[in-house]
Amino acid sequence: MTTQRIADVIEKHFQASSLTIAIQDGPEAGQTVKHVHVHVLPRKAGDFDKNDSIYDELQKHDRENEDVPSKWRSEEEMAKEATQLHGLFN
């Protein structure tokens, strides 16, 4: 129920027409962070040539940015986004 609630807000906030919701449980499934979490990704028509390319991009992003702190979003950026999104749930 939590994922559905968040998904509804994310879809509207990012003006998406669809969502990709994924849980990658275990390294063979592409899990790179060793805790349970749900990916809620807003999607729009034509955002990828092939819809399933999103999974390749997720893995590529994780590999490229995992050990490069300069490519991580700052605490301030994440806090700002969290505050904006938090306001959508009141």
PDB file of N, CA and C in Angstrom:
ATOM      1  N   MET A   1       0.816  -1.185   0.000  1.00  0.00           N
ATOM      2  CA  MET A   1       0.000   0.000   0.000  1.00  0.00           C
ATOM      3  C   MET A   1       0.866   1.257   0.000  1.00  0.00           C
ATOM      4  N   THR A   2       1.994   1.179   0.696  1.00  0.00           N
ATOM      5  CA  THR A   2       2.898   2.328   0.738  1.00  0.00           C
ATOM      6  C   THR A   2       3.444   2.631  -0.649  1.00  0.00           C
ATOM      7  N   THR A   3       3.860   1.605  -1.363  1.00  0.00           N
ATOM      8  CA  THR A   3       4.390   1.800  -2.715  1.00  0.00           C
ATOM      9  C   THR A   3       3.327   2.405  -3.623  1.00  0.00           C
ATOM     10  N   GLN A   4       2.097   1.944  -3.524  1.00  0.00           N
ATOM     11  CA  GLN A   4       1.023   2.494  -4.352  1.00  0.00           C
ATOM     12  C   GLN A   4       0.789   3.973  -4.052  1.00  0.00           C
ATOM     13  N   ARG A   5       0.810   4.315  -2.777  1.00  0.00           N
ATOM     14  CA  ARG A   5       0.594   5.715  -2.385  1.00  0.00           C
ATOM     15  C   ARG A   5       1.713   6.607  -2.930  1.00  0.00           C
ATOM     16  N   ILE A   6       2.939   6.161  -2.755  1.00  0.00           N
ATOM     17  CA  ILE A   6       4.082   6.920  -3.255  1.00  0.00           C
ATOM     18  C   ILE A   6       4.049   6.996  -4.784  1.00  0.00           C
ATOM     19  N   ALA A   7       3.736   5.880  -5.416  1.00  0.00           N
ATOM     20  CA  ALA A   7       3.697   5.838  -6.881  1.00  0.00           C
ATOM     21  C   ALA A   7       2.702   6.854  -7.437  1.00  0.00           C
ATOM     22  N   ASP A   8       1.528   6.957  -6.833  1.00  0.00           N
ATOM     23  CA  ASP A   8       0.524   7.921  -7.303  1.00  0.00           C
ATOM     24  C   ASP A   8       1.061   9.348  -7.251  1.00  0.00           C
ATOM     25  N   VAL A   9       1.721   9.692  -6.151  1.00  0.00           N
ATOM     26  CA  VAL A   9       2.258  11.047  -5.985  1.00  0.00           C
ATOM     27  C   VAL A   9       3.404  11.291  -6.980  1.00  0.00           C
ATOM     28  N   ILE A  10       4.311  10.333  -7.110  1.00  0.00           N
ATOM     29  CA  ILE A  10       5.458  10.484  -8.016  1.00  0.00           C
ATOM     30  C   ILE A  10       4.987  10.649  -9.458  1.00  0.00           C
ATOM     31  N   GLU A  11       4.022   9.846  -9.860  1.00  0.00           N
ATOM     32  CA  GLU A  11       3.516   9.926 -11.240  1.00  0.00           C
ATOM     33  C   GLU A  11       2.945  11.311 -11.526  1.00  0.00           C
ATOM     34  N   LYS A  12       2.165  11.844 -10.613  1.00  0.00           N
ATOM     35  CA  LYS A  12       1.575  13.171 -10.799  1.00  0.00           C
ATOM     36  C   LYS A  12       2.637  14.261 -10.738  1.00  0.00           C
ATOM     37  N   HIS A  13       3.521  14.193  -9.748  1.00  0.00           N
ATOM     38  CA  HIS A  13       4.536  15.234  -9.549  1.00  0.00           C
ATOM     39  C   HIS A  13       5.454  15.380 -10.772  1.00  0.00           C
ATOM     40  N   PHE A  14       5.857  14.259 -11.343  1.00  0.00           N
ATOM     41  CA  PHE A  14       6.764  14.298 -12.488  1.00  0.00           C
ATOM     42  C   PHE A  14       6.023  14.274 -13.820  1.00  0.00           C
ATOM     43  N   GLN A  15       4.689  14.419 -13.772  1.00  0.00           N
ATOM     44  CA  GLN A  15       3.847  14.458 -14.966  1.00  0.00           C
ATOM     45  C   GLN A  15       4.132  13.264 -15.880  1.00  0.00           C
ATOM     46  N   ALA A  16       4.229  12.106 -15.268  1.00  0.00           N
ATOM     47  CA  ALA A  16       4.490  10.877 -16.014  1.00  0.00           C
ATOM     48  C   ALA A  16       3.169  10.254 -16.454  1.00  0.00           C
ATOM     49  N   SER A  17       3.261   9.402 -17.456  1.00  0.00           N
ATOM     50  CA  SER A  17       2.074   8.685 -17.913  1.00  0.00           C
ATOM     51  C   SER A  17       2.063   7.243 -17.422  1.00  0.00           C
ATOM     52  N   SER A  18       3.192   6.805 -16.871  1.00  0.00           N
ATOM     53  CA  SER A  18       3.339   5.432 -16.393  1.00  0.00           C
ATOM     54  C   SER A  18       4.443   5.384 -15.353  1.00  0.00           C
ATOM     55  N   LEU A  19       4.621   4.201 -14.765  1.00  0.00           N
ATOM     56  CA  LEU A  19       5.675   3.988 -13.780  1.00  0.00           C
ATOM     57  C   LEU A  19       6.331   2.635 -14.017  1.00  0.00           C
ATOM     58  N   THR A  20       7.600   2.549 -13.686  1.00  0.00           N
ATOM     59  CA  THR A  20       8.261   1.260 -13.520  1.00  0.00           C
ATOM     60  C   THR A  20       8.516   1.119 -12.034  1.00  0.00           C
ATOM     61  N   ILE A  21       8.016   0.018 -11.462  1.00  0.00           N
ATOM     62  CA  ILE A  21       8.209  -0.266 -10.043  1.00  0.00           C
ATOM     63  C   ILE A  21       9.003  -1.553  -9.966  1.00  0.00           C
ATOM     64  N   ALA A  22      10.155  -1.507  -9.280  1.00  0.00           N
ATOM     65  CA  ALA A  22      11.034  -2.678  -9.252  1.00  0.00           C
ATOM     66  C   ALA A  22      11.632  -2.886  -7.867  1.00  0.00           C
ATOM     67  N   ILE A  23      11.785  -4.160  -7.540  1.00  0.00           N
ATOM     68  CA  ILE A  23      12.540  -4.572  -6.362  1.00  0.00           C
ATOM     69  C   ILE A  23      13.598  -5.533  -6.866  1.00  0.00           C
ATOM     70  N   GLN A  24      14.850  -5.217  -6.636  1.00  0.00           N
ATOM     71  CA  GLN A  24      15.951  -6.089  -7.057  1.00  0.00           C
ATOM     72  C   GLN A  24      16.478  -6.778  -5.808  1.00  0.00           C
ATOM     73  N   ASP A  25      16.114  -8.041  -5.638  1.00  0.00           N
ATOM     74  CA  ASP A  25      16.454  -8.777  -4.418  1.00  0.00           C
ATOM     75  C   ASP A  25      17.549  -9.788  -4.723  1.00  0.00           C
ATOM     76  N   GLY A  26      18.776  -9.454  -4.372  1.00  0.00           N
ATOM     77  CA  GLY A  26      19.924 -10.321  -4.611  1.00  0.00           C
ATOM     78  C   GLY A  26      20.770  -9.844  -5.775  1.00  0.00           C
ATOM     79  N   PRO A  27      22.055 -10.161  -5.749  1.00  0.00           N
ATOM     80  CA  PRO A  27      22.978  -9.654  -6.773  1.00  0.00           C
ATOM     81  C   PRO A  27      22.630 -10.108  -8.192  1.00  0.00           C
ATOM     82  N   GLU A  28      22.099 -11.313  -8.345  1.00  0.00           N
ATOM     83  CA  GLU A  28      21.750 -11.775  -9.676  1.00  0.00           C
ATOM     84  C   GLU A  28      20.545 -11.030 -10.249  1.00  0.00           C
ATOM     85  N   ALA A  29      19.794 -10.390  -9.382  1.00  0.00           N
ATOM     86  CA  ALA A  29      18.657  -9.584  -9.813  1.00  0.00           C
ATOM     87  C   ALA A  29      19.048  -8.124 -10.018  1.00  0.00           C
ATOM     88  N   GLY A  30      20.326  -7.802  -9.796  1.00  0.00           N
ATOM     89  CA  GLY A  30      20.805  -6.438  -9.992  1.00  0.00           C
ATOM     90  C   GLY A  30      20.874  -5.605  -8.729  1.00  0.00           C
ATOM     91  N   GLN A  31      20.640  -6.204  -7.563  1.00  0.00           N
ATOM     92  CA  GLN A  31      20.697  -5.453  -6.311  1.00  0.00           C
ATOM     93  C   GLN A  31      22.127  -5.013  -6.031  1.00  0.00           C
ATOM     94  N   THR A  32      22.311  -3.721  -5.818  1.00  0.00           N
ATOM     95  CA  THR A  32      23.640  -3.192  -5.512  1.00  0.00           C
ATOM     96  C   THR A  32      23.713  -2.619  -4.102  1.00  0.00           C
ATOM     97  N   VAL A  33      22.574  -2.357  -3.485  1.00  0.00           N
ATOM     98  CA  VAL A  33      22.507  -1.855  -2.121  1.00  0.00           C
ATOM     99  C   VAL A  33      21.882  -2.963  -1.283  1.00  0.00           C
ATOM    100  N   LYS A  34      22.558  -3.362  -0.223  1.00  0.00           N
ATOM    101  CA  LYS A  34      22.138  -4.550   0.521  1.00  0.00           C
ATOM    102  C   LYS A  34      21.083  -4.258   1.579  1.00  0.00           C
ATOM    103  N   HIS A  35      19.987  -3.683   1.146  1.00  0.00           N
ATOM    104  CA  HIS A  35      18.800  -3.563   1.982  1.00  0.00           C
ATOM    105  C   HIS A  35      17.587  -3.525   1.058  1.00  0.00           C
ATOM    106  N   VAL A  36      16.455  -3.857   1.597  1.00  0.00           N
ATOM    107  CA  VAL A  36      15.245  -3.896   0.784  1.00  0.00           C
ATOM    108  C   VAL A  36      14.777  -2.474   0.508  1.00  0.00           C
ATOM    109  N   HIS A  37      14.537  -2.183  -0.748  1.00  0.00           N
ATOM    110  CA  HIS A  37      13.954  -0.904  -1.135  1.00  0.00           C
ATOM    111  C   HIS A  37      13.234  -1.087  -2.465  1.00  0.00           C
ATOM    112  N   VAL A  38      12.347  -0.181  -2.754  1.00  0.00           N
ATOM    113  CA  VAL A  38      11.534  -0.239  -3.963  1.00  0.00           C
ATOM    114  C   VAL A  38      11.908   0.944  -4.847  1.00  0.00           C
ATOM    115  N   HIS A  39      12.149   0.663  -6.120  1.00  0.00           N
ATOM    116  CA  HIS A  39      12.387   1.722  -7.099  1.00  0.00           C
ATOM    117  C   HIS A  39      11.034   2.118  -7.689  1.00  0.00           C
ATOM    118  N   VAL A  40      10.696   3.390  -7.626  1.00  0.00           N
ATOM    119  CA  VAL A  40       9.488   3.914  -8.255  1.00  0.00           C
ATOM    120  C   VAL A  40       9.963   4.945  -9.266  1.00  0.00           C
ATOM    121  N   LEU A  41       9.921   4.574 -10.530  1.00  0.00           N
ATOM    122  CA  LEU A  41      10.503   5.398 -11.589  1.00  0.00           C
ATOM    123  C   LEU A  41       9.424   5.951 -12.502  1.00  0.00           C
ATOM    124  N   PRO A  42       9.269   7.277 -12.543  1.00  0.00           N
ATOM    125  CA  PRO A  42       8.273   7.866 -13.445  1.00  0.00           C
ATOM    126  C   PRO A  42       8.691   7.657 -14.895  1.00  0.00           C
ATOM    127  N   ARG A  43       7.713   7.345 -15.747  1.00  0.00           N
ATOM    128  CA  ARG A  43       7.999   7.063 -17.160  1.00  0.00           C
ATOM    129  C   ARG A  43       7.122   7.919 -18.059  1.00  0.00           C
ATOM    130  N   LYS A  44       7.656   8.245 -19.220  1.00  0.00           N
ATOM    131  CA  LYS A  44       6.924   8.982 -20.245  1.00  0.00           C
ATOM    132  C   LYS A  44       7.132   8.284 -21.582  1.00  0.00           C
ATOM    133  N   ALA A  45       6.203   8.466 -22.476  1.00  0.00           N
ATOM    134  CA  ALA A  45       6.292   7.853 -23.803  1.00  0.00           C
ATOM    135  C   ALA A  45       7.605   8.252 -24.467  1.00  0.00           C
ATOM    136  N   GLY A  46       8.328   7.258 -24.980  1.00  0.00           N
ATOM    137  CA  GLY A  46       9.554   7.520 -25.717  1.00  0.00           C
ATOM    138  C   GLY A  46      10.774   7.784 -24.864  1.00  0.00           C
ATOM    139  N   ASP A  47      10.697   7.608 -23.544  1.00  0.00           N
ATOM    140  CA  ASP A  47      11.869   7.894 -22.713  1.00  0.00           C
ATOM    141  C   ASP A  47      13.010   6.910 -22.978  1.00  0.00           C
ATOM    142  N   PHE A  48      12.704   5.731 -23.496  1.00  0.00           N
ATOM    143  CA  PHE A  48      13.703   4.758 -23.929  1.00  0.00           C
ATOM    144  C   PHE A  48      13.233   4.149 -25.246  1.00  0.00           C
ATOM    145  N   ASP A  49      14.170   3.842 -26.135  1.00  0.00           N
ATOM    146  CA  ASP A  49      13.792   3.189 -27.391  1.00  0.00           C
ATOM    147  C   ASP A  49      13.090   1.867 -27.128  1.00  0.00           C
ATOM    148  N   LYS A  50      13.635   1.096 -26.191  1.00  0.00           N
ATOM    149  CA  LYS A  50      13.015  -0.157 -25.757  1.00  0.00           C
ATOM    150  C   LYS A  50      12.705  -0.009 -24.273  1.00  0.00           C
ATOM    151  N   ASN A  51      11.479  -0.309 -23.862  1.00  0.00           N
ATOM    152  CA  ASN A  51      11.096  -0.117 -22.459  1.00  0.00           C
ATOM    153  C   ASN A  51      12.041  -0.789 -21.481  1.00  0.00           C
ATOM    154  N   ASP A  52      12.482  -2.006 -21.788  1.00  0.00           N
ATOM    155  CA  ASP A  52      13.337  -2.726 -20.849  1.00  0.00           C
ATOM    156  C   ASP A  52      14.749  -2.162 -20.752  1.00  0.00           C
ATOM    157  N   SER A  53      15.097  -1.210 -21.591  1.00  0.00           N
ATOM    158  CA  SER A  53      16.412  -0.572 -21.502  1.00  0.00           C
ATOM    159  C   SER A  53      16.594   0.159 -20.178  1.00  0.00           C
ATOM    160  N   ILE A  54      15.507   0.458 -19.506  1.00  0.00           N
ATOM    161  CA  ILE A  54      15.604   1.133 -18.210  1.00  0.00           C
ATOM    162  C   ILE A  54      16.436   0.312 -17.230  1.00  0.00           C
ATOM    163  N   TYR A  55      16.339  -1.030 -17.315  1.00  0.00           N
ATOM    164  CA  TYR A  55      17.096  -1.870 -16.386  1.00  0.00           C
ATOM    165  C   TYR A  55      18.588  -1.821 -16.691  1.00  0.00           C
ATOM    166  N   ASP A  56      18.941  -1.773 -17.971  1.00  0.00           N
ATOM    167  CA  ASP A  56      20.351  -1.628 -18.354  1.00  0.00           C
ATOM    168  C   ASP A  56      20.896  -0.298 -17.848  1.00  0.00           C
ATOM    169  N   GLU A  57      20.113   0.751 -17.980  1.00  0.00           N
ATOM    170  CA  GLU A  57      20.551   2.076 -17.533  1.00  0.00           C
ATOM    171  C   GLU A  57      20.692   2.131 -16.013  1.00  0.00           C
ATOM    172  N   LEU A  58      19.786   1.469 -15.299  1.00  0.00           N
ATOM    173  CA  LEU A  58      19.906   1.429 -13.836  1.00  0.00           C
ATOM    174  C   LEU A  58      21.196   0.744 -13.413  1.00  0.00           C
ATOM    175  N   GLN A  59      21.502  -0.377 -14.027  1.00  0.00           N
ATOM    176  CA  GLN A  59      22.729  -1.089 -13.673  1.00  0.00           C
ATOM    177  C   GLN A  59      23.959  -0.271 -14.056  1.00  0.00           C
ATOM    178  N   LYS A  60      23.919   0.353 -15.211  1.00  0.00           N
ATOM    179  CA  LYS A  60      25.034   1.188 -15.661  1.00  0.00           C
ATOM    180  C   LYS A  60      25.229   2.355 -14.687  1.00  0.00           C
ATOM    181  N   HIS A  61      24.159   2.991 -14.313  1.00  0.00           N
ATOM    182  CA  HIS A  61      24.227   4.124 -13.385  1.00  0.00           C
ATOM    183  C   HIS A  61      24.833   3.690 -12.056  1.00  0.00           C
ATOM    184  N   ASP A  62      24.362   2.556 -11.535  1.00  0.00           N
ATOM    185  CA  ASP A  62      24.883   2.074 -10.256  1.00  0.00           C
ATOM    186  C   ASP A  62      26.371   1.774 -10.340  1.00  0.00           C
ATOM    187  N   ARG A  63      26.802   1.126 -11.410  1.00  0.00           N
ATOM    188  CA  ARG A  63      28.225   0.784 -11.547  1.00  0.00           C
ATOM    189  C   ARG A  63      29.080   2.040 -11.687  1.00  0.00           C
ATOM    190  N   GLU A  64      28.609   3.009 -12.462  1.00  0.00           N
ATOM    191  CA  GLU A  64      29.405   4.211 -12.721  1.00  0.00           C
ATOM    192  C   GLU A  64      29.507   5.115 -11.503  1.00  0.00           C
ATOM    193  N   ASN A  65      28.453   5.195 -10.721  1.00  0.00           N
ATOM    194  CA  ASN A  65      28.411   6.190  -9.654  1.00  0.00           C
ATOM    195  C   ASN A  65      28.636   5.615  -8.260  1.00  0.00           C
ATOM    196  N   GLU A  66      28.645   4.306  -8.153  1.00  0.00           N
ATOM    197  CA  GLU A  66      28.701   3.649  -6.854  1.00  0.00           C
ATOM    198  C   GLU A  66      29.902   4.077  -6.019  1.00  0.00           C
ATOM    199  N   ASP A  67      31.073   4.125  -6.615  1.00  0.00           N
ATOM    200  CA  ASP A  67      32.293   4.426  -5.873  1.00  0.00           C
ATOM    201  C   ASP A  67      32.891   5.781  -6.235  1.00  0.00           C
ATOM    202  N   VAL A  68      32.056   6.674  -6.766  1.00  0.00           N
ATOM    203  CA  VAL A  68      32.548   7.989  -7.173  1.00  0.00           C
ATOM    204  C   VAL A  68      31.738   9.059  -6.430  1.00  0.00           C
ATOM    205  N   PRO A  69      32.162   9.400  -5.225  1.00  0.00           N
ATOM    206  CA  PRO A  69      31.396  10.370  -4.427  1.00  0.00           C
ATOM    207  C   PRO A  69      31.111  11.683  -5.144  1.00  0.00           C
ATOM    208  N   SER A  70      31.976  12.109  -6.041  1.00  0.00           N
ATOM    209  CA  SER A  70      31.740  13.373  -6.740  1.00  0.00           C
ATOM    210  C   SER A  70      30.515  13.303  -7.651  1.00  0.00           C
ATOM    211  N   LYS A  71      30.048  12.094  -7.987  1.00  0.00           N
ATOM    212  CA  LYS A  71      28.858  11.943  -8.832  1.00  0.00           C
ATOM    213  C   LYS A  71      27.585  11.731  -8.004  1.00  0.00           C
ATOM    214  N   TRP A  72      27.746  11.614  -6.686  1.00  0.00           N
ATOM    215  CA  TRP A  72      26.584  11.431  -5.834  1.00  0.00           C
ATOM    216  C   TRP A  72      25.854  12.752  -5.672  1.00  0.00           C
ATOM    217  N   ARG A  73      24.554  12.684  -5.469  1.00  0.00           N
ATOM    218  CA  ARG A  73      23.819  13.900  -5.143  1.00  0.00           C
ATOM    219  C   ARG A  73      24.219  14.319  -3.734  1.00  0.00           C
ATOM    220  N   SER A  74      24.272  15.607  -3.510  1.00  0.00           N
ATOM    221  CA  SER A  74      24.670  16.106  -2.189  1.00  0.00           C
ATOM    222  C   SER A  74      23.538  15.899  -1.185  1.00  0.00           C
ATOM    223  N   GLU A  75      23.909  15.944   0.090  1.00  0.00           N
ATOM    224  CA  GLU A  75      22.908  15.852   1.154  1.00  0.00           C
ATOM    225  C   GLU A  75      21.880  16.972   1.000  1.00  0.00           C
ATOM    226  N   GLU A  76      22.351  18.154   0.614  1.00  0.00           N
ATOM    227  CA  GLU A  76      21.452  19.298   0.445  1.00  0.00           C
ATOM    228  C   GLU A  76      20.461  19.049  -0.687  1.00  0.00           C
ATOM    229  N   GLU A  77      20.931  18.507  -1.818  1.00  0.00           N
ATOM    230  CA  GLU A  77      20.039  18.210  -2.947  1.00  0.00           C
ATOM    231  C   GLU A  77      18.968  17.197  -2.551  1.00  0.00           C
ATOM    232  N   MET A  78      19.402  16.150  -1.851  1.00  0.00           N
ATOM    233  CA  MET A  78      18.448  15.119  -1.448  1.00  0.00           C
ATOM    234  C   MET A  78      17.459  15.658  -0.418  1.00  0.00           C
ATOM    235  N   ALA A  79      17.925  16.491   0.501  1.00  0.00           N
ATOM    236  CA  ALA A  79      17.041  17.070   1.513  1.00  0.00           C
ATOM    237  C   ALA A  79      16.007  17.983   0.864  1.00  0.00           C
ATOM    238  N   LYS A  80      16.435  18.765  -0.112  1.00  0.00           N
ATOM    239  CA  LYS A  80      15.513  19.668  -0.815  1.00  0.00           C
ATOM    240  C   LYS A  80      14.431  18.862  -1.536  1.00  0.00           C
ATOM    241  N   GLU A  81      14.841  17.823  -2.244  1.00  0.00           N
ATOM    242  CA  GLU A  81      13.868  16.995  -2.944  1.00  0.00           C
ATOM    243  C   GLU A  81      12.927  16.307  -1.957  1.00  0.00           C
ATOM    244  N   ALA A  82      13.462  15.803  -0.856  1.00  0.00           N
ATOM    245  CA  ALA A  82      12.629  15.141   0.156  1.00  0.00           C
ATOM    246  C   ALA A  82      11.595  16.105   0.729  1.00  0.00           C
ATOM    247  N   THR A  83      12.006  17.338   0.972  1.00  0.00           N
ATOM    248  CA  THR A  83      11.076  18.341   1.502  1.00  0.00           C
ATOM    249  C   THR A  83       9.969  18.631   0.503  1.00  0.00           C
ATOM    250  N   GLN A  84      10.323  18.777  -0.762  1.00  0.00           N
ATOM    251  CA  GLN A  84       9.321  19.029  -1.807  1.00  0.00           C
ATOM    252  C   GLN A  84       8.328  17.876  -1.896  1.00  0.00           C
ATOM    253  N   LEU A  85       8.849  16.665  -1.931  1.00  0.00           N
ATOM    254  CA  LEU A  85       7.968  15.502  -2.053  1.00  0.00           C
ATOM    255  C   LEU A  85       7.144  15.299  -0.786  1.00  0.00           C
ATOM    256  N   HIS A  86       7.739  15.542   0.375  1.00  0.00           N
ATOM    257  CA  HIS A  86       7.016  15.381   1.636  1.00  0.00           C
ATOM    258  C   HIS A  86       5.756  16.256   1.636  1.00  0.00           C
ATOM    259  N   GLY A  87       5.884  17.448   1.112  1.00  0.00           N
ATOM    260  CA  GLY A  87       4.742  18.361   1.061  1.00  0.00           C
ATOM    261  C   GLY A  87       3.567  17.836   0.248  1.00  0.00           C
ATOM    262  N   LEU A  88       3.824  16.908  -0.644  1.00  0.00           N
ATOM    263  CA  LEU A  88       2.764  16.353  -1.492  1.00  0.00           C
ATOM    264  C   LEU A  88       1.931  15.298  -0.768  1.00  0.00           C
ATOM    265  N   PHE A  89       2.364  14.892   0.402  1.00  0.00           N
ATOM    266  CA  PHE A  89       1.655  13.844   1.141  1.00  0.00           C
ATOM    267  C   PHE A  89       0.784  14.407   2.266  1.00  0.00           C
ATOM    268  N   ASN A  90       0.745  15.696   2.423  1.00  0.00           N
ATOM    269  CA  ASN A  90      -0.068  16.298   3.490  1.00  0.00           C
ATOM    270  C   ASN A  90      -1.440  16.639   2.988  1.00  0.00           C
TER     271      ASN A  90
END
